[in-house]
Amino acid sequence: MIAAGNSLSSGVKLGGMPLVGIEVDGDWAAAQVTFQYSRDGGTTWFDVKDDGVEYVVVALTGPDASAVDFRLFLGYDLIRVRSGTAGAPVAQAAGTTVTLLGRKM
């Protein structure tokens, strides 16, 4: 869930499953999706990157869904979702539900 007026979700535990996809509900305002991970229980957060560049999922317009490159999420157990990018976050006007899809390997 990303609360109204915010661009970041709270931390979500993946339970040992890599992230393979993301769904957003009809309240989602069009925006790219990026992710952060924490290895210390949510005290420190880092942007998920691919070859040193922030990993970006194409802009979604709710309701919508997209696959993600699961290889980038191997070893991460606590992540959060950002509406927009680190340099240009997009505050969601309404509270929106974001569903993370994991898969056992």
Protein backbone atom coordinates (compact mmCIF):
# COMPACT_ATOMS: atom_id res chain seq x y z
CA MET A 1 0.00 0.00 0.00
CA ILE A 2 1.19 3.48 -0.83
CA ALA A 3 -0.72 5.98 1.30
CA ALA A 4 -2.35 9.04 -0.23
CA GLY A 5 0.18 11.83 -0.77
CA ASN A 6 3.16 9.45 -0.63
CA SER A 7 5.41 7.79 -3.19
CA LEU A 8 6.88 4.93 -1.10
CA SER A 9 5.25 1.83 0.31
CA SER A 10 6.19 0.41 3.67
CA GLY A 11 8.65 -2.47 3.70
CA VAL A 12 7.38 -5.84 2.47
CA LYS A 13 9.00 -9.16 3.35
CA LEU A 14 9.31 -11.45 0.34
CA GLY A 15 9.60 -14.59 2.47
CA GLY A 16 12.49 -16.03 0.52
CA MET A 17 10.75 -15.74 -2.84
CA PRO A 18 12.18 -13.46 -5.51
CA LEU A 19 9.88 -10.79 -6.88
CA VAL A 20 8.59 -11.72 -10.36
CA GLY A 21 5.82 -9.19 -10.93
CA ILE A 22 3.84 -6.24 -9.65
CA GLU A 23 0.16 -5.27 -9.86
CA VAL A 24 -1.38 -1.89 -9.13
CA ASP A 25 -5.05 -1.16 -8.49
CA GLY A 26 -7.35 1.29 -10.24
CA ASP A 27 -6.38 4.15 -7.90
CA TRP A 28 -2.77 4.09 -9.14
CA ALA A 29 -1.82 7.38 -10.85
CA ALA A 30 0.32 6.73 -13.94
CA ALA A 31 3.97 6.44 -12.96
CA GLN A 32 7.07 4.37 -13.44
CA VAL A 33 7.87 1.93 -10.63
CA THR A 34 11.19 1.56 -8.83
CA PHE A 35 12.24 -0.39 -5.76
CA GLN A 36 14.39 -0.16 -2.67
CA TYR A 37 15.80 -2.94 -0.49
CA SER A 38 17.04 -3.15 3.07
CA ARG A 39 19.42 -5.70 4.58
CA ASP A 40 19.17 -4.37 8.15
CA GLY A 41 15.45 -4.70 8.87
CA GLY A 42 14.39 -1.40 7.35
CA THR A 43 16.80 1.07 8.93
CA THR A 44 18.82 1.70 5.78
CA TRP A 45 17.36 1.56 2.26
CA PHE A 46 19.13 1.29 -1.10
CA ASP A 47 17.76 1.65 -4.62
CA VAL A 48 17.59 -1.58 -6.62
CA LYS A 49 19.96 -1.13 -9.54
CA ASP A 50 20.88 -3.02 -12.68
CA ASP A 51 24.48 -2.46 -13.77
CA GLY A 52 24.67 0.65 -11.60
CA VAL A 53 21.49 2.25 -12.95
CA GLU A 54 18.22 2.46 -11.04
CA TYR A 55 15.96 -0.41 -12.14
CA VAL A 56 12.76 1.05 -13.61
CA VAL A 57 9.54 -0.75 -14.54
CA VAL A 58 7.71 0.94 -17.41
CA ALA A 59 5.00 3.39 -16.43
CA LEU A 60 1.88 1.66 -15.18
CA THR A 61 -1.63 3.09 -15.34
CA GLY A 62 -3.97 1.46 -12.83
CA PRO A 63 -5.24 -1.14 -12.88
CA ASP A 64 -2.16 -2.66 -14.49
CA ALA A 65 0.56 -5.26 -14.03
CA SER A 66 4.12 -5.88 -15.16
CA ALA A 67 6.74 -8.58 -14.87
CA VAL A 68 10.04 -7.69 -13.23
CA ASP A 69 13.51 -9.16 -13.68
CA PHE A 70 13.55 -11.58 -10.74
CA ARG A 71 17.33 -11.90 -10.88
CA LEU A 72 17.66 -8.39 -9.48
CA PHE A 73 15.73 -9.39 -6.35
CA LEU A 74 17.55 -12.60 -5.43
CA GLY A 75 18.81 -12.32 -1.87
CA TYR A 76 16.58 -9.38 -0.94
CA ASP A 77 13.98 -10.17 1.69
CA LEU A 78 12.71 -6.69 2.57
CA ILE A 79 11.76 -4.32 -0.23
CA ARG A 80 9.55 -1.33 -0.78
CA VAL A 81 7.95 0.07 -3.91
CA ARG A 82 8.36 3.62 -5.15
CA SER A 83 5.96 5.43 -7.43
CA GLY A 84 8.32 7.19 -9.82
CA THR A 85 12.10 7.24 -9.58
CA ALA A 86 14.58 8.34 -6.91
CA GLY A 87 15.08 11.61 -8.80
CA ALA A 88 11.41 12.13 -9.63
CA PRO A 89 9.07 10.43 -7.15
CA VAL A 90 5.34 10.60 -7.96
CA ALA A 91 3.03 11.10 -4.98
CA GLN A 92 -0.13 9.03 -5.33
CA ALA A 93 -3.20 11.25 -4.84
CA ALA A 94 -5.28 8.39 -3.46
CA GLY A 95 -4.11 5.50 -1.35
CA THR A 96 -3.30 2.68 -3.74
CA THR A 97 -2.79 -1.05 -3.32
CA VAL A 98 0.35 -2.53 -4.81
CA THR A 99 0.52 -6.32 -4.99
CA LEU A 100 3.94 -7.96 -5.20
CA LEU A 101 4.09 -11.32 -6.92
CA GLY A 102 6.74 -13.78 -5.78
CA ARG A 103 7.58 -17.28 -6.92
CA LYS A 104 9.29 -20.16 -5.21
CA MET A 105 12.48 -21.14 -6.95
